[in-house]
N, C-alpha and C. Protein backbone atom coordinates (compact mmCIF):
# COMPACT_ATOMS: atom_id res chain seq x y z
N UNK A 1 -146.88 -118.67 -85.24
CA UNK A 1 -148.15 -118.82 -84.75
C UNK A 1 -147.91 -118.20 -83.53
N UNK A 2 -148.87 -117.60 -82.90
CA UNK A 2 -148.33 -117.26 -80.94
C UNK A 2 -149.37 -118.47 -80.86
N UNK A 3 -149.28 -118.54 -79.49
CA UNK A 3 -149.46 -120.44 -78.87
C UNK A 3 -151.13 -119.37 -78.42
N UNK A 4 -152.02 -120.52 -78.06
CA UNK A 4 -153.59 -120.05 -77.90
C UNK A 4 -153.42 -119.09 -76.48
N UNK A 5 -152.79 -119.55 -75.67
CA UNK A 5 -152.64 -118.35 -74.38
C UNK A 5 -152.08 -117.48 -74.48
N UNK A 6 -151.03 -116.79 -75.34
CA UNK A 6 -150.95 -116.02 -75.75
C UNK A 6 -151.76 -115.13 -76.69
N UNK A 7 -152.35 -115.46 -77.68
CA UNK A 7 -153.54 -114.88 -78.64
C UNK A 7 -154.42 -114.79 -77.57
N UNK A 8 -154.66 -115.54 -76.17
CA UNK A 8 -156.12 -114.99 -75.17
C UNK A 8 -155.46 -113.59 -75.06
N UNK A 9 -154.22 -114.76 -73.87
CA UNK A 9 -153.75 -113.53 -72.78
C UNK A 9 -153.21 -112.18 -73.60
N UNK A 10 -152.28 -112.03 -74.39
CA UNK A 10 -151.71 -110.72 -74.73
C UNK A 10 -152.53 -109.98 -75.62
N UNK A 11 -153.26 -110.39 -76.60
CA UNK A 11 -154.34 -110.27 -77.93
C UNK A 11 -155.89 -109.75 -77.04
N UNK A 12 -156.44 -111.08 -76.93
CA UNK A 12 -158.23 -110.52 -76.46
C UNK A 12 -158.13 -109.92 -75.87
N UNK A 13 -157.30 -110.46 -74.22
CA UNK A 13 -157.91 -109.69 -73.21
C UNK A 13 -157.47 -108.10 -73.25
N UNK A 14 -156.52 -107.80 -73.83
CA UNK A 14 -155.59 -106.62 -73.98
C UNK A 14 -156.40 -105.70 -75.36
N UNK A 15 -157.91 -106.39 -75.89
CA UNK A 15 -158.70 -105.89 -77.05
C UNK A 15 -158.09 -105.52 -78.38
N UNK A 16 -157.37 -106.49 -78.98
CA UNK A 16 -157.14 -106.38 -80.58
C UNK A 16 -157.06 -107.73 -80.66
N UNK A 17 -156.60 -107.98 -81.80
CA UNK A 17 -156.52 -109.36 -82.67
C UNK A 17 -154.75 -109.23 -82.84
N UNK A 18 -154.65 -110.56 -83.34
CA UNK A 18 -153.56 -110.52 -84.08
C UNK A 18 -153.01 -110.02 -85.68
N UNK A 19 -152.62 -108.64 -85.51
CA UNK A 19 -152.57 -107.62 -86.77
C UNK A 19 -151.96 -108.43 -87.70
N UNK A 20 -150.60 -109.44 -87.11
CA UNK A 20 -149.68 -109.64 -88.23
C UNK A 20 -149.69 -111.48 -88.43
N UNK A 21 -151.26 -112.21 -88.05
CA UNK A 21 -151.64 -112.74 -88.77
C UNK A 21 -151.81 -112.91 -89.96
N UNK A 22 -151.99 -114.32 -90.81
CA UNK A 22 -151.72 -114.15 -92.47
C UNK A 22 -153.30 -113.86 -92.46
N UNK A 23 -154.07 -113.55 -92.38
CA UNK A 23 -155.30 -113.42 -92.81
C UNK A 23 -156.19 -112.63 -91.73
N UNK A 24 -156.76 -111.20 -91.66
CA UNK A 24 -157.37 -110.59 -90.79
C UNK A 24 -158.42 -109.76 -91.74
N UNK A 25 -159.44 -109.68 -90.69
CA UNK A 25 -160.53 -108.89 -91.63
C UNK A 25 -161.20 -107.79 -90.46
N UNK A 26 -161.67 -106.55 -90.82
CA UNK A 26 -162.32 -105.54 -89.98
C UNK A 26 -163.68 -105.37 -90.59
N UNK A 27 -164.95 -105.35 -90.22
CA UNK A 27 -166.26 -105.17 -90.93
C UNK A 27 -166.95 -104.48 -89.81
N UNK A 28 -167.96 -103.35 -90.38
CA UNK A 28 -169.08 -102.79 -89.43
C UNK A 28 -169.99 -102.90 -90.19
N UNK A 29 -170.99 -102.33 -89.53
CA UNK A 29 -172.45 -102.57 -89.93
C UNK A 29 -173.08 -101.27 -88.53
N UNK A 30 -173.96 -100.39 -89.10
CA UNK A 30 -174.59 -99.66 -88.19
C UNK A 30 -175.97 -100.00 -87.94
N UNK A 31 -176.93 -100.62 -86.73
CA UNK A 31 -177.50 -101.26 -86.52
C UNK A 31 -178.44 -99.72 -85.75
N UNK A 32 -180.10 -99.81 -86.02
CA UNK A 32 -181.28 -98.83 -85.61
C UNK A 32 -181.88 -99.33 -84.33
N UNK A 33 -180.62 -99.56 -83.57
CA UNK A 33 -180.77 -99.59 -81.96
C UNK A 33 -179.87 -99.45 -80.90
N UNK A 34 -180.60 -99.02 -79.52
CA UNK A 34 -179.40 -98.66 -79.01
C UNK A 34 -178.58 -100.09 -78.33
N UNK A 35 -177.27 -99.47 -77.77
CA UNK A 35 -176.40 -100.38 -77.69
C UNK A 35 -176.81 -102.08 -76.86
N UNK A 36 -177.65 -101.41 -75.91
CA UNK A 36 -177.88 -102.45 -74.74
C UNK A 36 -179.17 -103.65 -75.52
N UNK A 37 -180.19 -102.81 -76.20
CA UNK A 37 -180.84 -103.70 -77.10
C UNK A 37 -179.67 -104.94 -78.12
N UNK A 38 -178.72 -104.11 -78.67
CA UNK A 38 -177.70 -105.31 -80.00
C UNK A 38 -176.90 -105.81 -78.82
N UNK A 39 -176.68 -105.61 -77.71
CA UNK A 39 -176.17 -106.18 -76.12
C UNK A 39 -176.50 -107.78 -76.37
N UNK A 40 -177.71 -107.04 -76.18
CA UNK A 40 -178.79 -108.37 -75.48
C UNK A 40 -178.76 -109.87 -76.42
N UNK A 41 -178.78 -109.35 -77.98
CA UNK A 41 -178.68 -110.33 -78.60
C UNK A 41 -177.60 -110.79 -79.27
N UNK A 42 -176.64 -110.12 -78.77
CA UNK A 42 -175.33 -110.62 -79.34
C UNK A 42 -174.95 -111.96 -77.79
N UNK A 43 -174.90 -111.48 -76.90
CA UNK A 43 -174.73 -111.77 -75.51
C UNK A 43 -175.22 -112.99 -75.33
N UNK A 44 -176.55 -113.22 -76.04
CA UNK A 44 -177.12 -114.58 -76.59
C UNK A 44 -176.95 -115.90 -77.53
N UNK A 45 -175.85 -116.51 -76.93
CA UNK A 45 -175.10 -117.26 -77.77
C UNK A 45 -176.44 -118.08 -78.66
N UNK A 46 -177.13 -118.75 -77.59
CA UNK A 46 -178.30 -119.46 -77.97
C UNK A 46 -179.22 -119.25 -78.66
N UNK A 47 -179.39 -117.56 -78.75
CA UNK A 47 -180.18 -117.11 -79.63
C UNK A 47 -179.73 -116.99 -81.45
N UNK A 48 -178.31 -117.37 -81.20
CA UNK A 48 -177.67 -116.91 -82.87
C UNK A 48 -177.82 -117.95 -83.48
N UNK A 49 -178.37 -119.00 -82.93
CA UNK A 49 -179.13 -120.39 -84.52
C UNK A 49 -180.17 -119.47 -85.10
N UNK A 50 -180.43 -118.41 -84.38
CA UNK A 50 -181.96 -118.48 -84.91
C UNK A 50 -181.58 -116.97 -86.18
N UNK A 51 -180.89 -116.29 -85.75
CA UNK A 51 -180.26 -115.23 -86.69
C UNK A 51 -178.80 -115.43 -87.12
N UNK A 52 -177.92 -116.13 -87.11
CA UNK A 52 -176.83 -116.21 -87.92
C UNK A 52 -176.96 -117.33 -89.13
N UNK A 53 -176.39 -116.64 -89.81
CA UNK A 53 -176.42 -117.78 -90.77
C UNK A 53 -175.38 -119.04 -90.40
N UNK A 54 -175.64 -120.36 -90.72
CA UNK A 54 -174.26 -121.53 -90.44
C UNK A 54 -173.82 -121.77 -88.84
N UNK A 55 -173.95 -120.97 -87.95
CA UNK A 55 -174.04 -121.04 -86.36
C UNK A 55 -174.55 -122.09 -86.02
N UNK A 56 -174.21 -122.60 -85.53
CA UNK A 56 -174.50 -123.93 -84.59
C UNK A 56 -173.74 -124.00 -82.98
N UNK A 57 -174.63 -123.89 -81.89
CA UNK A 57 -173.91 -124.15 -80.39
C UNK A 57 -173.77 -125.08 -80.11
N UNK A 58 -172.90 -125.88 -79.95
CA UNK A 58 -172.75 -127.19 -79.32
C UNK A 58 -172.49 -127.03 -77.77
N UNK A 59 -172.01 -126.53 -76.95
CA UNK A 59 -171.87 -126.32 -75.66
C UNK A 59 -171.75 -124.98 -75.35
N UNK A 60 -172.49 -124.23 -74.39
CA UNK A 60 -172.23 -123.37 -73.24
C UNK A 60 -172.69 -122.91 -72.08
N UNK A 61 -171.77 -123.37 -71.32
CA UNK A 61 -171.97 -123.03 -69.84
C UNK A 61 -172.47 -121.86 -69.46
N UNK A 62 -171.54 -120.72 -69.50
CA UNK A 62 -172.25 -119.41 -69.89
C UNK A 62 -171.07 -118.31 -69.98
N UNK A 63 -171.74 -117.09 -70.91
CA UNK A 63 -171.31 -115.81 -71.27
C UNK A 63 -170.40 -115.49 -70.19
N UNK A 64 -169.31 -115.88 -69.87
CA UNK A 64 -168.33 -115.04 -69.07
C UNK A 64 -166.82 -114.82 -69.53
N UNK A 65 -165.70 -113.94 -69.24
CA UNK A 65 -164.48 -114.44 -69.35
C UNK A 65 -164.13 -115.48 -69.07
N UNK A 66 -163.28 -116.23 -69.79
CA UNK A 66 -162.65 -117.66 -69.91
C UNK A 66 -163.54 -118.41 -69.38
N UNK A 67 -164.27 -118.45 -69.77
CA UNK A 67 -165.27 -119.70 -69.97
C UNK A 67 -165.00 -120.64 -71.12
N UNK A 68 -165.28 -121.79 -71.61
CA UNK A 68 -164.91 -122.42 -73.08
C UNK A 68 -166.64 -122.30 -73.75
N UNK A 69 -166.83 -122.19 -74.59
CA UNK A 69 -167.58 -122.76 -75.67
C UNK A 69 -167.31 -123.91 -76.86
N UNK A 70 -168.57 -124.32 -77.50
CA UNK A 70 -168.39 -125.01 -78.78
C UNK A 70 -169.22 -124.61 -79.34
N UNK A 71 -168.95 -124.54 -80.74
CA UNK A 71 -170.17 -124.47 -82.09
C UNK A 71 -169.43 -124.99 -83.27
N UNK A 72 -170.34 -124.24 -83.77
CA UNK A 72 -169.93 -124.88 -85.09
C UNK A 72 -170.61 -123.95 -86.35
N UNK A 73 -169.37 -123.51 -87.36
CA UNK A 73 -169.77 -122.25 -88.14
C UNK A 73 -169.60 -123.23 -90.01
N UNK A 74 -170.88 -123.28 -90.06
CA UNK A 74 -171.16 -124.33 -91.35
C UNK A 74 -170.36 -125.38 -91.87
N UNK A 75 -170.41 -126.03 -90.16
CA UNK A 75 -170.05 -127.60 -90.13
C UNK A 75 -168.72 -127.71 -89.26
N UNK A 76 -168.14 -126.74 -89.65
CA UNK A 76 -166.76 -126.85 -89.31
C UNK A 76 -166.92 -126.94 -87.49
N UNK A 77 -166.50 -127.75 -86.82
CA UNK A 77 -166.65 -127.21 -84.86
C UNK A 77 -165.35 -126.75 -84.69
N UNK A 78 -165.62 -125.63 -83.78
CA UNK A 78 -164.81 -124.89 -83.27
C UNK A 78 -164.69 -125.28 -81.90
N UNK A 79 -164.03 -124.82 -81.10
CA UNK A 79 -163.45 -124.60 -79.63
C UNK A 79 -163.09 -123.46 -79.20
N UNK A 80 -163.84 -122.46 -78.46
CA UNK A 80 -163.57 -121.57 -77.91
C UNK A 80 -163.55 -120.86 -76.71
N UNK A 81 -162.74 -119.60 -75.95
CA UNK A 81 -162.88 -119.09 -75.09
C UNK A 81 -163.01 -117.54 -74.82
N UNK A 82 -163.99 -117.37 -74.04
CA UNK A 82 -164.44 -115.90 -74.24
C UNK A 82 -163.16 -115.16 -73.41
N UNK A 83 -162.69 -113.77 -73.98
CA UNK A 83 -161.89 -113.31 -73.38
C UNK A 83 -162.21 -112.40 -72.50
N UNK A 84 -163.35 -111.14 -73.83
CA UNK A 84 -163.71 -109.72 -72.88
C UNK A 84 -165.22 -109.80 -73.22
N UNK A 85 -165.98 -109.86 -71.63
CA UNK A 85 -167.06 -110.10 -71.67
C UNK A 85 -168.01 -108.63 -71.12
N UNK A 86 -168.28 -107.67 -71.79
CA UNK A 86 -168.21 -106.01 -71.27
C UNK A 86 -169.79 -105.72 -72.04
N UNK A 87 -170.78 -105.50 -71.17
CA UNK A 87 -172.08 -105.70 -72.12
C UNK A 87 -172.29 -104.25 -72.72
N UNK A 88 -172.63 -104.30 -73.15
CA UNK A 88 -173.16 -102.92 -73.98
C UNK A 88 -171.61 -102.86 -74.81
N UNK A 89 -170.59 -103.56 -75.03
CA UNK A 89 -169.32 -102.61 -75.37
C UNK A 89 -168.45 -103.36 -76.18
N UNK A 90 -167.99 -104.97 -75.38
CA UNK A 90 -167.60 -105.67 -76.73
C UNK A 90 -167.80 -107.48 -75.84
N UNK A 91 -167.81 -107.99 -76.55
CA UNK A 91 -167.77 -109.84 -76.71
C UNK A 91 -166.52 -110.49 -77.48
N UNK A 92 -165.65 -110.62 -77.14
CA UNK A 92 -164.63 -111.50 -77.64
C UNK A 92 -164.01 -112.98 -77.40
N UNK A 93 -163.11 -113.42 -78.07
CA UNK A 93 -163.18 -114.70 -78.03
C UNK A 93 -161.94 -115.36 -78.63
N UNK A 94 -161.16 -116.50 -78.22
CA UNK A 94 -159.91 -116.85 -79.21
C UNK A 94 -160.52 -118.08 -79.02
N UNK A 95 -160.23 -118.64 -80.21
CA UNK A 95 -160.78 -120.09 -81.33
C UNK A 95 -159.56 -121.14 -81.54
N UNK A 96 -160.13 -122.34 -81.59
CA UNK A 96 -159.25 -122.96 -82.83
C UNK A 96 -159.76 -124.14 -83.15
N UNK A 97 -159.55 -124.70 -84.37
CA UNK A 97 -160.39 -125.67 -85.27
C UNK A 97 -159.73 -126.50 -85.90
N UNK A 98 -159.52 -127.96 -85.93
CA UNK A 98 -158.81 -128.87 -86.66
C UNK A 98 -157.48 -128.51 -86.26
N UNK A 99 -157.34 -128.62 -84.74
CA UNK A 99 -156.12 -128.52 -84.02
C UNK A 99 -154.74 -127.91 -84.52
N UNK A 100 -155.30 -126.81 -85.96
CA UNK A 100 -153.77 -126.38 -86.75
C UNK A 100 -154.16 -124.83 -86.63
N UNK A 101 -155.87 -124.31 -86.67
CA UNK A 101 -156.28 -122.78 -87.02
C UNK A 101 -156.37 -122.29 -85.39
N UNK A 102 -155.82 -120.99 -85.49
CA UNK A 102 -156.34 -120.07 -84.52
C UNK A 102 -156.45 -118.64 -84.78
N UNK A 103 -157.72 -118.58 -84.14
CA UNK A 103 -158.44 -117.01 -84.19
C UNK A 103 -158.62 -116.19 -83.11
N UNK A 104 -158.73 -115.04 -83.13
CA UNK A 104 -159.22 -113.98 -82.38
C UNK A 104 -160.29 -113.33 -83.09
N UNK A 105 -161.67 -113.37 -81.99
CA UNK A 105 -162.32 -112.84 -82.69
C UNK A 105 -163.10 -111.56 -81.81
N UNK A 106 -163.26 -110.72 -81.67
CA UNK A 106 -163.90 -109.20 -81.63
C UNK A 106 -164.75 -108.67 -81.88
N UNK A 107 -165.99 -108.42 -81.44
CA UNK A 107 -166.85 -107.71 -81.55
C UNK A 107 -166.99 -106.19 -80.59
N UNK A 108 -167.26 -105.27 -81.20
CA UNK A 108 -167.05 -104.24 -79.97
C UNK A 108 -168.42 -103.36 -80.94
N UNK A 109 -169.08 -102.46 -79.73
CA UNK A 109 -170.39 -101.74 -80.00
C UNK A 109 -169.64 -100.66 -79.58
N UNK A 110 -170.54 -99.29 -80.24
CA UNK A 110 -170.28 -98.27 -80.00
C UNK A 110 -171.62 -97.18 -80.56
N UNK A 111 -172.09 -96.45 -79.48
CA UNK A 111 -173.21 -96.27 -79.73
C UNK A 111 -173.12 -94.67 -80.42
N UNK A 112 -174.24 -94.49 -81.33
CA UNK A 112 -174.03 -93.38 -82.31
C UNK A 112 -175.40 -92.95 -82.00
N UNK A 113 -175.95 -91.68 -81.29
CA UNK A 113 -177.03 -90.98 -81.54
C UNK A 113 -178.14 -92.31 -81.51
N UNK A 114 -178.47 -93.04 -80.53
CA UNK A 114 -179.64 -94.02 -80.37
C UNK A 114 -179.58 -95.31 -81.29
N UNK A 115 -178.10 -95.13 -82.03
CA UNK A 115 -177.86 -96.21 -82.92
C UNK A 115 -176.56 -96.96 -82.69
N UNK A 116 -176.32 -98.05 -82.91
CA UNK A 116 -174.76 -98.78 -82.45
C UNK A 116 -174.31 -99.29 -83.30
N UNK A 117 -172.85 -98.94 -83.82
CA UNK A 117 -171.47 -99.68 -84.94
C UNK A 117 -171.50 -100.73 -84.42
N UNK A 118 -171.87 -101.95 -84.38
CA UNK A 118 -170.57 -103.04 -84.60
C UNK A 118 -170.11 -103.20 -85.30
N UNK A 119 -168.47 -103.89 -84.52
CA UNK A 119 -167.31 -103.72 -85.55
C UNK A 119 -166.94 -104.95 -85.09
N UNK A 120 -166.78 -105.84 -86.66
CA UNK A 120 -166.44 -107.60 -85.82
C UNK A 120 -164.89 -107.48 -86.47
N UNK A 121 -163.75 -107.62 -85.96
CA UNK A 121 -162.50 -108.13 -86.46
C UNK A 121 -162.20 -108.94 -85.89
N UNK A 122 -161.24 -110.05 -86.84
CA UNK A 122 -161.07 -111.46 -86.41
C UNK A 122 -159.69 -111.33 -87.55
N UNK A 123 -158.79 -112.04 -86.47
CA UNK A 123 -157.13 -112.40 -86.93
C UNK A 123 -157.62 -114.37 -87.12
N UNK A 124 -156.67 -114.75 -88.15
CA UNK A 124 -156.58 -116.10 -88.27
C UNK A 124 -155.31 -116.60 -88.89
N UNK A 125 -154.86 -118.02 -88.23
CA UNK A 125 -154.01 -118.51 -88.37
C UNK A 125 -153.69 -120.19 -88.88
N UNK A 126 -152.53 -120.28 -89.73
CA UNK A 126 -153.01 -121.85 -89.34
C UNK A 126 -151.65 -122.13 -91.21
N UNK A 127 -151.13 -123.37 -91.15
CA UNK A 127 -150.96 -123.66 -92.22
C UNK A 127 -151.94 -123.45 -93.62
N UNK A 128 -151.63 -122.81 -94.60
CA UNK A 128 -152.37 -122.78 -95.85
C UNK A 128 -153.54 -121.59 -95.85
N UNK A 129 -153.34 -121.09 -94.59
CA UNK A 129 -154.71 -120.31 -93.93
C UNK A 129 -154.99 -118.83 -95.18
N UNK A 130 -153.73 -118.86 -96.13
CA UNK A 130 -154.61 -117.78 -97.07
C UNK A 130 -155.15 -118.28 -97.97
N UNK A 131 -154.69 -119.66 -98.42
CA UNK A 131 -154.92 -120.22 -99.58
C UNK A 131 -156.90 -121.34 -99.45
N UNK A 132 -156.85 -121.45 -97.95
CA UNK A 132 -158.46 -122.47 -97.56
C UNK A 132 -159.31 -121.30 -97.44
N UNK A 133 -158.55 -120.14 -96.60
CA UNK A 133 -159.80 -119.32 -95.90
C UNK A 133 -159.08 -117.75 -95.89
N UNK A 134 -159.06 -117.62 -97.53
CA UNK A 134 -158.41 -116.06 -97.19
C UNK A 134 -158.76 -114.50 -97.10
N UNK A 135 -159.02 -113.90 -96.95
CA UNK A 135 -159.47 -112.27 -95.95
C UNK A 135 -160.72 -112.37 -97.07
N UNK A 136 -160.53 -112.58 -98.45
CA UNK A 136 -161.55 -112.20 -99.10
C UNK A 136 -162.98 -113.20 -98.35
N UNK A 137 -162.66 -113.99 -98.01
CA UNK A 137 -163.80 -115.25 -97.93
C UNK A 137 -164.05 -114.77 -96.88
N UNK A 138 -163.13 -114.50 -95.18
CA UNK A 138 -163.35 -113.96 -94.03
C UNK A 138 -164.53 -112.96 -93.60
N UNK A 139 -163.87 -111.99 -94.65
CA UNK A 139 -164.98 -110.71 -95.04
C UNK A 139 -166.70 -110.93 -95.08
N UNK A 140 -166.31 -111.82 -96.55
CA UNK A 140 -168.10 -111.88 -96.79
C UNK A 140 -168.71 -112.73 -95.66
N UNK A 141 -167.95 -113.11 -94.67
CA UNK A 141 -168.63 -114.50 -94.08
C UNK A 141 -168.99 -113.51 -92.91
N UNK A 142 -168.02 -112.36 -92.57
CA UNK A 142 -168.71 -111.22 -91.35
C UNK A 142 -169.42 -110.50 -92.05
N UNK A 143 -169.34 -109.83 -93.12
CA UNK A 143 -170.80 -109.17 -93.43
C UNK A 143 -172.10 -109.68 -93.61
N UNK A 144 -171.93 -111.06 -93.79
CA UNK A 144 -173.08 -112.01 -93.92
C UNK A 144 -173.50 -111.67 -92.48
N UNK A 145 -173.22 -112.28 -91.26
CA UNK A 145 -173.37 -112.16 -90.22
C UNK A 145 -173.59 -110.87 -89.63
N UNK A 146 -173.27 -109.72 -90.13
CA UNK A 146 -172.97 -108.41 -89.42
C UNK A 146 -174.68 -108.32 -90.24
N UNK A 147 -174.90 -108.65 -91.23
CA UNK A 147 -176.53 -107.93 -92.08
C UNK A 147 -177.30 -108.81 -92.05
N UNK A 148 -177.03 -110.26 -91.19
CA UNK A 148 -178.29 -110.95 -90.28
C UNK A 148 -178.39 -110.09 -88.91
N UNK A 149 -177.51 -109.92 -88.72
CA UNK A 149 -177.82 -109.32 -87.34
C UNK A 149 -178.32 -108.30 -87.30
N UNK A 150 -178.00 -107.37 -87.97
CA UNK A 150 -178.68 -105.97 -88.44
C UNK A 150 -180.22 -106.18 -88.92
N UNK A 151 -180.62 -107.13 -90.12
CA UNK A 151 -182.06 -107.59 -89.77
C UNK A 151 -182.61 -108.11 -88.87
N UNK A 152 -181.99 -108.36 -87.87
CA UNK A 152 -182.73 -110.07 -86.89
C UNK A 152 -183.11 -108.41 -85.68
N UNK A 153 -182.01 -107.75 -85.49
CA UNK A 153 -182.83 -106.16 -84.48
C UNK A 153 -183.63 -105.07 -85.13
N UNK A 154 -183.65 -105.10 -86.11
CA UNK A 154 -184.03 -103.76 -86.51
C UNK A 154 -185.44 -104.32 -87.56
N UNK A 155 -185.96 -105.78 -86.98
CA UNK A 155 -187.05 -106.27 -87.98
C UNK A 155 -187.72 -106.52 -86.74
N UNK A 156 -187.34 -106.76 -85.72
CA UNK A 156 -187.74 -107.67 -84.24
C UNK A 156 -189.07 -106.26 -83.93
């Protein structure tokens, strides 16, 4: 399992997840809104609690590369560090939870004729991760988050 520093520097900062991790997932959704509007919602982590199921922000200084933030997903505390913050294009971070599990999360935006395709990728590694949090469960969580994002943006 790569160290947190390697995941951050060699993976997230280079626009990729750890494809060799035991659990990976990629999901996407097409949102009927321009990339700038989608970006405004994604970059406002304080606002995620209003639309992202199970998300709770615990500490955030700034949405900037290298900055840390703490949050919880369905009660599980996580500590993350932003890697790429490229307005209108990509928001990514590396993170850890329970001191045993490590993840790389990437959200990319691709404009498509006034709409935006948002792709969410994640790699997850740690002891028994396939049993505790397998690909199906991760993909389902991503699809729920993307559907909530789409609904939030398109109904505003």
